[in-house]
Amino acid sequence: MDEGSTTHSRRDFIKVTAAAGTLAAAGLRAPGVHAAGSDEIRVGLIGCGGRGTGAVANVMDSAKGVRLIAVGDAFADRVEGARKRWTDLDKGIAVSDDNCFVGLDAFEKVIASDVNYIIIATPPAFRPAHLKAAVAAGKNIFTEKPVAVDAPGIRQVLAVAEEAENKGLGIGAGTQRRHQQGYIEVMKRVHDGAIGDLVSARAYWNQGGLWNKGREPGWSDLEWQIRNWLYFTWLSGDHIVEQHVHNLDVVNWAMGGHPVSATGMGGRQSRISNEYGMIFDHFAIDYEYENGAHMLSMCRQVPGCANRVAETVVGSKGKCETDSGAQRYVITGDSRYRFREEAVNPYVQEHTDLIASIRSGSPYNELRQVAESTFTAILGRMSAYSGQGLSWEQGLASDEGLVPETLSFDEALAVAPVPRPGEVT
């Protein structure tokens, strides 16, 4: 790929966020959005798990004139379970039996239906192909993060982002902090020089364990792995990619672009049995940015340990501290600021902003920035798995594809061995 398709300028990186932030700052929330006629948002959901059904509830609350008309998932029980959850939503649900699709090809049928706004909430491994198909069909998209699990997937997503730009399609991403007013306000100040030149950063997602689904009788290898997708790198990217991407995205946002290299380590000390697949349970990565600033990144999923989910950016004149859980958005130093306004649900606001941009005739496209933040996480994982420092260019050029070329519920799918740093080339 040429340089322009992999490393857009820092001003382009900031521009998309500024556009989304402008919509949020302008107060374009659900009560003020008008919909009529061609403004109708007809939603198709791909992936009926917890995040997919949650995203449906969010989009229904985000604006007027929104209808859910098609859904798809690999498993029939997921589709039916989602439909039962939606009985409490007495507005905008218009999914007929004919528009409920099951199977690994369900995404194609959702995209081919009469929808104009696709929500992609499948496991991350499938998102490059689903994004490609939705953009080829000319659909506006809201995609959950991360958007790939390996370098080949990221290269595909970057190409899709460019195609979407050429087609004028709207694409929003599930990095909801970029639509959270506290983050928007402190980032405006950081970019305006409130903390001076940026010299370092810290990003954390340290927590306890997450859900785990034991294998049930009759499940094939593929079904068990998809239903337990968190614990397989080919499906989730590992938790540094699937979860910690949020914090890495915040630091990239502050820095105005992605890092140029990563040196990392990690391992598994708590989740060591086969039920947890082959992912690590902790990572620590040193990232370096173009201006020489370093970020310390830490993420952990180990029960009984201290929790911390937050970001800090240090400048020559002060620092910016953000913590979405504690609703803390603070700048200290020469210029002091604390965000004190009433919080708005960012999971709703990200749909409000995207729909408003589509209806305005100037849809924004967040796909490149979320691809770069996703690859920031992937690069850290690659370094930790291999025990080698990697540049951005080295990592992005990798041909190591994690997703099997063909998938079938009828064929065996072995669990990959746990990575051993120093033994992976």
Protein backbone atom coordinates (compact mmCIF):
# COMPACT_ATOMS: atom_id res chain seq x y z
CA MET A 1 0.00 0.00 0.00
CA ASP A 2 1.20 3.54 -0.62
CA GLU A 3 2.12 5.83 2.26
CA GLY A 4 -1.03 7.89 1.86
CA SER A 5 -3.25 4.86 2.53
CA THR A 6 -1.54 3.93 5.79
CA THR A 7 -0.41 7.11 7.49
CA HIS A 8 -2.62 10.07 6.84
CA SER A 9 -1.47 13.37 8.31
CA ARG A 10 -2.16 14.27 11.93
CA ARG A 11 -4.50 17.07 10.88
CA ASP A 12 -6.71 14.54 9.05
CA PHE A 13 -6.77 12.41 12.21
CA ILE A 14 -7.97 15.33 14.31
CA LYS A 15 -10.44 16.59 11.68
CA VAL A 16 -12.87 13.68 11.97
CA THR A 17 -13.00 13.94 15.74
CA ALA A 18 -13.52 17.69 15.51
CA ALA A 19 -16.49 17.18 13.20
CA ALA A 20 -18.12 14.70 15.58
CA GLY A 21 -17.35 16.91 18.56
CA THR A 22 -18.90 19.90 16.86
CA LEU A 23 -22.18 18.02 16.48
CA ALA A 24 -22.16 17.01 20.15
CA ALA A 25 -21.25 20.51 21.29
CA ALA A 26 -24.04 21.96 19.17
CA GLY A 27 -26.55 20.03 21.27
CA LEU A 28 -27.81 17.77 18.48
CA ARG A 29 -29.45 15.31 20.84
CA ALA A 30 -32.54 13.21 20.37
CA PRO A 31 -35.22 15.82 21.22
CA GLY A 32 -33.91 18.26 18.62
CA VAL A 33 -33.50 15.95 15.63
CA HIS A 34 -36.20 16.12 13.00
CA ALA A 35 -37.00 13.20 10.73
CA ALA A 36 -39.45 12.96 7.90
CA GLY A 37 -39.74 11.11 4.62
CA SER A 38 -36.31 10.26 3.23
CA ASP A 39 -34.73 11.12 6.59
CA GLU A 40 -35.93 7.78 7.98
CA ILE A 41 -33.13 5.67 9.43
CA ARG A 42 -33.78 2.00 8.67
CA VAL A 43 -31.46 -0.07 10.85
CA GLY A 44 -30.05 -3.50 10.13
CA LEU A 45 -28.23 -5.26 12.98
CA ILE A 46 -25.43 -7.76 12.34
CA GLY A 47 -24.59 -9.55 15.59
CA CYS A 48 -27.32 -10.04 18.21
CA GLY A 49 -25.20 -10.42 21.33
CA GLY A 50 -25.17 -8.09 24.31
CA ARG A 51 -23.42 -5.21 22.55
CA GLY A 52 -25.57 -5.55 19.44
CA THR A 53 -28.84 -5.49 21.34
CA GLY A 54 -27.48 -2.67 23.47
CA ALA A 55 -26.61 -0.68 20.35
CA VAL A 56 -30.19 -1.13 19.12
CA ALA A 57 -31.53 0.37 22.34
CA ASN A 58 -29.02 3.22 21.98
CA VAL A 59 -29.90 4.04 18.38
CA MET A 60 -33.63 3.98 19.20
CA ASP A 61 -33.00 6.62 21.87
CA SER A 62 -30.71 8.70 19.69
CA ALA A 63 -33.07 10.37 17.22
CA LYS A 64 -36.58 10.41 15.84
CA GLY A 65 -37.48 8.50 12.70
CA VAL A 66 -35.44 5.38 13.47
CA ARG A 67 -36.70 1.85 12.78
CA LEU A 68 -35.03 -1.55 13.21
CA ILE A 69 -36.11 -3.69 10.27
CA ALA A 70 -33.55 -6.51 9.84
CA VAL A 71 -31.29 -8.61 12.10
CA GLY A 72 -28.77 -11.38 11.61
CA ASP A 73 -26.54 -13.63 13.69
CA ALA A 74 -24.65 -16.89 13.31
CA PHE A 75 -27.01 -18.54 15.81
CA ALA A 76 -30.82 -18.75 15.84
CA ASP A 77 -31.07 -18.55 19.65
CA ARG A 78 -29.24 -15.22 19.58
CA VAL A 79 -31.75 -13.79 17.14
CA GLU A 80 -34.72 -15.03 19.15
CA GLY A 81 -33.19 -13.89 22.43
CA ALA A 82 -32.68 -10.43 21.00
CA ARG A 83 -36.25 -10.23 19.76
CA LYS A 84 -37.50 -11.07 23.26
CA ARG A 85 -35.37 -8.29 24.74
CA TRP A 86 -36.90 -5.82 22.30
CA THR A 87 -40.46 -6.47 23.46
CA ASP A 88 -39.81 -3.77 26.06
CA LEU A 89 -39.00 -1.26 23.34
CA ASP A 90 -42.39 -0.13 22.11
CA LYS A 91 -41.06 2.07 19.32
CA GLY A 92 -39.28 1.52 16.07
CA ILE A 93 -39.09 -2.28 16.13
CA ALA A 94 -40.45 -3.65 12.89
CA VAL A 95 -38.55 -6.89 12.31
CA SER A 96 -40.60 -9.47 10.48
CA ASP A 97 -39.75 -13.16 10.46
CA ASP A 98 -38.63 -12.76 6.87
CA ASN A 99 -36.03 -10.21 7.94
CA CYS A 100 -34.43 -12.40 10.62
CA PHE A 101 -31.37 -14.18 9.23
CA VAL A 102 -29.23 -16.96 10.71
CA GLY A 103 -25.84 -18.36 9.72
CA LEU A 104 -22.34 -17.24 8.87
CA ASP A 105 -23.77 -15.53 5.77
CA ALA A 106 -26.51 -13.70 7.68
CA PHE A 107 -24.61 -10.42 7.29
CA GLU A 108 -25.04 -10.56 3.52
CA LYS A 109 -28.81 -10.89 3.87
CA VAL A 110 -29.10 -8.03 6.36
CA ILE A 111 -27.07 -5.79 4.04
CA ALA A 112 -29.22 -6.78 1.05
CA SER A 113 -32.44 -5.84 2.86
CA ASP A 114 -34.06 -2.40 2.73
CA VAL A 115 -31.79 -0.84 5.35
CA ASN A 116 -29.70 2.32 5.15
CA TYR A 117 -27.88 2.14 8.51
CA ILE A 118 -25.97 -1.00 9.41
CA ILE A 119 -24.86 -1.78 12.97
CA ILE A 120 -21.91 -4.20 13.01
CA ALA A 121 -21.56 -5.89 16.39
CA THR A 122 -20.13 -9.28 15.49
CA PRO A 123 -16.84 -10.51 17.01
CA PRO A 124 -13.95 -8.37 15.70
CA ALA A 125 -12.57 -11.08 13.39
CA PHE A 126 -15.57 -10.68 11.10
CA ARG A 127 -15.66 -6.89 10.95
CA PRO A 128 -13.30 -6.30 7.99
CA ALA A 129 -15.45 -8.51 5.73
CA HIS A 130 -18.71 -7.06 7.06
CA LEU A 131 -17.46 -3.48 6.62
CA LYS A 132 -16.31 -4.24 3.09
CA ALA A 133 -19.68 -5.72 2.13
CA ALA A 134 -21.69 -2.88 3.69
CA VAL A 135 -19.63 -0.16 1.99
CA ALA A 136 -19.80 -1.99 -1.34
CA ALA A 137 -23.60 -1.91 -0.97
CA GLY A 138 -23.56 1.83 -0.23
CA LYS A 139 -24.81 1.62 3.36
CA ASN A 140 -24.09 4.00 6.23
CA ILE A 141 -22.50 2.11 9.11
CA PHE A 142 -22.06 2.13 12.84
CA THR A 143 -19.34 -0.39 13.70
CA GLU A 144 -18.26 -1.51 17.10
CA LYS A 145 -14.58 -1.39 17.95
CA PRO A 146 -12.07 -2.88 17.32
CA VAL A 147 -12.37 -3.23 13.56
CA ALA A 148 -9.87 -6.07 12.95
CA VAL A 149 -7.59 -8.50 14.77
CA ASP A 150 -4.47 -8.53 12.56
CA ALA A 151 -2.48 -6.45 10.09
CA PRO A 152 -4.11 -7.91 6.93
CA GLY A 153 -7.52 -7.04 8.39
CA ILE A 154 -6.40 -3.48 9.16
CA ARG A 155 -5.08 -3.02 5.62
CA GLN A 156 -8.46 -4.14 4.31
CA VAL A 157 -10.30 -1.74 6.62
CA LEU A 158 -8.09 1.18 5.58
CA ALA A 159 -8.96 0.46 1.94
CA VAL A 160 -12.66 0.27 2.87
CA ALA A 161 -12.37 3.61 4.71
CA GLU A 162 -11.07 5.23 1.54
CA GLU A 163 -13.85 3.69 -0.55
CA ALA A 164 -16.45 4.95 1.94
CA GLU A 165 -14.98 8.45 1.75
CA ASN A 166 -15.21 8.37 -2.04
CA LYS A 167 -18.84 7.28 -1.81
CA GLY A 168 -19.72 9.88 0.81
CA LEU A 169 -20.93 7.30 3.31
CA GLY A 170 -21.26 7.92 7.04
CA ILE A 171 -19.33 5.60 9.34
CA GLY A 172 -19.32 5.90 13.09
CA ALA A 173 -17.25 3.76 15.45
CA GLY A 174 -17.86 2.50 18.97
CA THR A 175 -15.08 4.59 20.50
CA GLN A 176 -17.75 6.47 22.43
CA ARG A 177 -15.33 8.63 24.42
CA ARG A 178 -14.99 10.78 21.31
CA HIS A 179 -18.68 11.65 21.74
CA GLN A 180 -18.49 12.16 25.51
CA GLN A 181 -18.67 15.85 26.33
CA GLY A 182 -16.09 15.74 29.13
CA TYR A 183 -13.52 14.18 26.82
CA ILE A 184 -14.39 16.57 24.00
CA GLU A 185 -13.90 19.63 26.20
CA VAL A 186 -10.54 18.61 27.65
CA MET A 187 -9.25 17.48 24.25
CA LYS A 188 -10.13 20.86 22.74
CA ARG A 189 -7.96 22.45 25.41
CA VAL A 190 -5.11 19.99 24.94
CA HIS A 191 -5.07 20.68 21.19
CA ASP A 192 -5.20 24.42 21.88
CA GLY A 193 -2.02 24.17 23.96
CA ALA A 194 -3.42 24.22 27.51
CA ILE A 195 -0.80 21.73 28.74
CA GLY A 196 1.95 22.76 26.33
CA ASP A 197 3.97 20.31 24.26
CA LEU A 198 2.95 16.71 24.91
CA VAL A 199 5.80 14.72 26.43
CA SER A 200 4.30 11.50 27.83
CA ALA A 201 1.10 9.60 28.52
CA ARG A 202 -0.32 6.71 30.51
CA ALA A 203 -3.27 4.51 29.60
CA TYR A 204 -4.86 1.83 31.79
CA TRP A 205 -7.58 -0.78 31.61
CA ASN A 206 -6.91 -2.95 34.64
CA GLN A 207 -9.87 -4.97 35.92
CA GLY A 208 -11.01 -8.35 37.14
CA GLY A 209 -12.29 -11.25 35.05
CA LEU A 210 -15.04 -11.32 32.44
CA TRP A 211 -17.70 -13.79 31.41
CA ASN A 212 -16.79 -17.24 30.17
CA LYS A 213 -19.04 -19.79 28.47
CA GLY A 214 -18.23 -23.43 29.10
CA ARG A 215 -18.51 -25.75 26.14
CA GLU A 216 -21.90 -27.43 25.84
CA PRO A 217 -22.61 -30.89 24.37
CA GLY A 218 -23.19 -30.71 20.64
CA TRP A 219 -21.19 -27.55 20.08
CA SER A 220 -18.61 -27.83 17.33
CA ASP A 221 -15.16 -26.29 17.72
CA LEU A 222 -16.24 -23.23 15.77
CA GLU A 223 -19.47 -22.73 17.69
CA TRP A 224 -17.72 -22.96 21.06
CA GLN A 225 -15.04 -20.51 19.99
CA ILE A 226 -17.48 -17.97 18.55
CA ARG A 227 -19.74 -18.16 21.61
CA ASN A 228 -16.65 -17.77 23.81
CA TRP A 229 -14.96 -15.33 21.45
CA LEU A 230 -13.17 -13.18 24.04
CA TYR A 231 -10.59 -15.89 24.67
CA PHE A 232 -9.35 -16.55 21.13
CA THR A 233 -6.98 -14.09 19.51
CA TRP A 234 -8.26 -14.86 16.03
CA LEU A 235 -11.72 -13.71 17.11
CA SER A 236 -11.06 -10.88 19.59
CA GLY A 237 -7.50 -9.79 19.01
CA ASP A 238 -6.87 -10.47 22.74
CA HIS A 239 -8.14 -8.09 25.42
CA ILE A 240 -5.55 -5.42 24.64
CA VAL A 241 -7.29 -5.06 21.28
CA GLU A 242 -10.90 -5.79 22.19
CA GLN A 243 -11.03 -3.65 25.35
CA HIS A 244 -7.93 -1.54 25.94
CA VAL A 245 -8.36 0.01 22.47
CA HIS A 246 -10.62 2.61 24.15
CA ASN A 247 -7.78 4.03 26.24
CA LEU A 248 -5.25 3.83 23.43
CA ASP A 249 -7.70 5.72 21.22
CA VAL A 250 -7.90 8.54 23.78
CA VAL A 251 -4.12 8.97 23.81
CA ASN A 252 -3.96 8.83 20.00
CA TRP A 253 -6.65 11.51 19.98
CA ALA A 254 -4.58 13.70 22.28
CA MET A 255 -1.37 13.10 20.34
CA GLY A 256 -3.06 13.76 17.01
CA GLY A 257 -2.03 10.42 15.52
CA HIS A 258 -0.78 6.92 16.11
CA PRO A 259 2.54 5.79 17.65
CA VAL A 260 5.54 4.95 15.50
CA SER A 261 6.73 1.93 17.50
CA ALA A 262 5.89 -0.43 20.36
CA THR A 263 7.90 -2.56 22.78
CA GLY A 264 5.81 -4.75 25.03
CA MET A 265 5.46 -7.74 27.28
CA GLY A 266 2.66 -9.80 28.73
CA GLY A 267 1.55 -13.25 29.71
CA ARG A 268 -1.07 -15.33 31.54
CA GLN A 269 -0.84 -16.12 35.21
CA SER A 270 -4.48 -16.30 36.33
CA ARG A 271 -6.42 -17.62 33.34
CA ILE A 272 -4.33 -20.64 32.46
CA SER A 273 -6.87 -23.41 31.80
CA ASN A 274 -8.13 -24.42 28.36
CA GLU A 275 -11.51 -22.79 28.95
CA TYR A 276 -9.75 -19.43 28.56
CA GLY A 277 -8.43 -20.25 25.10
CA MET A 278 -4.95 -18.92 24.44
CA ILE A 279 -5.02 -15.19 25.21
CA PHE A 280 -2.90 -13.34 27.78
CA ASP A 281 -4.36 -11.89 30.97
CA HIS A 282 -1.94 -8.94 31.25
CA PHE A 283 0.07 -6.62 29.00
CA ALA A 284 2.45 -3.69 29.48
CA ILE A 285 3.51 -1.75 26.38
CA ASP A 286 5.85 1.18 25.81
CA TYR A 287 4.67 3.15 22.78
CA GLU A 288 6.66 5.94 21.15
CA TYR A 289 5.01 8.73 19.13
CA GLU A 290 6.36 10.78 16.25
CA ASN A 291 7.29 13.70 18.53
CA GLY A 292 9.36 11.46 20.80
CA ALA A 293 6.71 11.23 23.53
CA HIS A 294 6.20 7.82 25.16
CA MET A 295 3.02 6.21 26.46
CA LEU A 296 2.96 3.54 29.14
CA SER A 297 0.04 1.23 28.38
CA MET A 298 -1.19 -1.33 30.90
CA CYS A 299 -4.14 -3.69 30.73
CA ARG A 300 -5.03 -6.63 32.93
CA GLN A 301 -7.96 -8.99 33.48
CA VAL A 302 -7.07 -10.69 36.76
CA PRO A 303 -9.58 -11.20 39.62
CA GLY A 304 -8.65 -9.74 42.98
CA CYS A 305 -6.30 -7.06 41.66
CA ALA A 306 -6.76 -3.29 41.80
CA ASN A 307 -8.93 -1.75 39.09
CA ARG A 308 -8.00 1.32 37.07
CA VAL A 309 -9.49 2.46 33.75
CA ALA A 310 -8.17 5.91 32.90
CA GLU A 311 -5.83 8.03 30.80
CA THR A 312 -3.25 10.74 31.60
CA VAL A 313 -1.47 12.98 29.11
CA VAL A 314 1.48 15.04 30.38
CA GLY A 315 2.62 18.24 28.74
CA SER A 316 5.35 20.81 29.31
CA LYS A 317 2.87 23.11 31.10
CA GLY A 318 0.51 20.70 32.85
CA LYS A 319 -1.41 17.48 32.46
CA CYS A 320 -4.80 16.17 31.39
CA GLU A 321 -6.48 13.36 33.36
CA THR A 322 -9.56 11.52 32.14
CA ASP A 323 -11.59 8.77 33.78
CA SER A 324 -14.98 7.99 32.23
CA GLY A 325 -16.05 5.74 35.09
CA ALA A 326 -15.47 8.43 37.68
CA GLN A 327 -16.72 11.15 35.29
CA ARG A 328 -13.44 13.01 35.89
CA TYR A 329 -12.06 15.25 33.16
CA VAL A 330 -9.41 17.58 34.54
CA ILE A 331 -6.57 19.78 33.32
CA THR A 332 -3.98 20.95 35.84
CA GLY A 333 -0.91 23.14 35.53
CA ASP A 334 -0.66 26.63 34.05
CA SER A 335 -4.25 26.35 32.76
CA ARG A 336 -6.78 24.70 35.05
CA TYR A 337 -10.08 23.20 33.97
CA ARG A 338 -12.60 20.70 35.29
CA PHE A 339 -15.63 19.55 33.33
CA ARG A 340 -18.68 19.87 35.57
CA GLU A 341 -21.69 19.65 33.25
CA GLU A 342 -24.33 16.94 33.43
CA ALA A 343 -23.19 13.83 31.61
CA VAL A 344 -24.99 12.65 28.47
CA ASN A 345 -24.97 8.93 27.61
CA PRO A 346 -22.15 8.64 25.04
CA TYR A 347 -23.48 5.31 23.74
CA VAL A 348 -26.59 7.18 22.61
CA GLN A 349 -24.75 10.34 21.59
CA GLU A 350 -22.49 8.55 19.12
CA HIS A 351 -25.59 7.50 17.15
CA THR A 352 -27.16 10.95 17.51
CA ASP A 353 -24.05 12.55 16.04
CA LEU A 354 -23.74 10.08 13.18
CA ILE A 355 -27.42 10.32 12.21
CA ALA A 356 -27.30 14.12 12.38
CA SER A 357 -24.28 14.17 10.06
CA ILE A 358 -26.00 11.84 7.59
CA ARG A 359 -29.17 13.91 7.57
CA SER A 360 -27.17 17.12 7.14
CA GLY A 361 -25.72 15.79 3.88
CA SER A 362 -22.17 15.86 5.31
CA PRO A 363 -21.67 12.43 6.86
CA TYR A 364 -18.46 11.95 8.79
CA ASN A 365 -16.27 8.86 8.58
CA GLU A 366 -14.46 7.59 11.70
CA LEU A 367 -13.21 4.36 10.14
CA ARG A 368 -9.61 5.41 9.55
CA GLN A 369 -9.12 6.73 13.07
CA VAL A 370 -10.60 3.63 14.70
CA ALA A 371 -8.50 1.44 12.38
CA GLU A 372 -5.38 3.28 13.51
CA SER A 373 -6.34 2.94 17.17
CA THR A 374 -7.12 -0.73 16.62
CA PHE A 375 -3.73 -1.27 15.04
CA THR A 376 -2.07 0.58 17.91
CA ALA A 377 -3.42 -2.22 20.12
CA ILE A 378 -2.54 -4.95 17.62
CA LEU A 379 1.04 -3.65 17.37
CA GLY A 380 1.39 -3.81 21.15
CA ARG A 381 0.06 -7.37 21.16
CA MET A 382 2.40 -8.39 18.35
CA SER A 383 5.36 -7.05 20.32
CA ALA A 384 4.27 -8.75 23.55
CA TYR A 385 3.57 -12.09 21.85
CA SER A 386 6.91 -12.07 20.03
CA GLY A 387 9.16 -10.35 22.57
CA GLN A 388 10.37 -8.01 19.82
CA GLY A 389 10.14 -4.26 19.42
CA LEU A 390 8.24 -3.30 16.27
CA SER A 391 7.83 -0.16 14.21
CA TRP A 392 4.41 0.81 12.88
CA GLU A 393 5.55 0.07 9.31
CA GLN A 394 6.94 -3.35 10.25
CA GLY A 395 3.77 -4.33 12.01
CA LEU A 396 1.40 -3.08 9.34
CA ALA A 397 3.34 -4.90 6.62
CA SER A 398 2.95 -8.24 8.42
CA ASP A 399 1.29 -11.04 6.50
CA GLU A 400 0.36 -12.92 9.68
CA GLY A 401 -3.36 -13.48 9.25
CA LEU A 402 -5.13 -14.90 12.29
CA VAL A 403 -8.58 -15.53 10.81
CA PRO A 404 -8.97 -18.93 9.09
CA GLU A 405 -9.56 -18.63 5.35
CA THR A 406 -12.59 -20.91 5.53
CA LEU A 407 -14.93 -21.50 8.45
CA SER A 408 -17.34 -24.37 8.90
CA PHE A 409 -19.35 -25.71 11.79
CA ASP A 410 -18.66 -29.20 10.43
CA GLU A 411 -14.85 -29.07 10.51
CA ALA A 412 -12.36 -29.23 13.36
CA LEU A 413 -10.80 -25.94 14.48
CA ALA A 414 -7.88 -26.40 16.83
CA VAL A 415 -7.09 -23.87 19.55
CA ALA A 416 -3.80 -22.13 18.80
CA PRO A 417 -1.04 -22.58 21.40
CA VAL A 418 -0.44 -19.86 23.99
CA PRO A 419 2.20 -17.46 22.57
CA ARG A 420 5.67 -17.79 24.08
CA PRO A 421 7.72 -14.58 23.67
CA GLY A 422 11.11 -15.26 22.11
CA GLU A 423 9.79 -18.25 20.19
CA VAL A 424 7.46 -16.35 17.81
CA THR A 425 9.08 -14.96 14.67
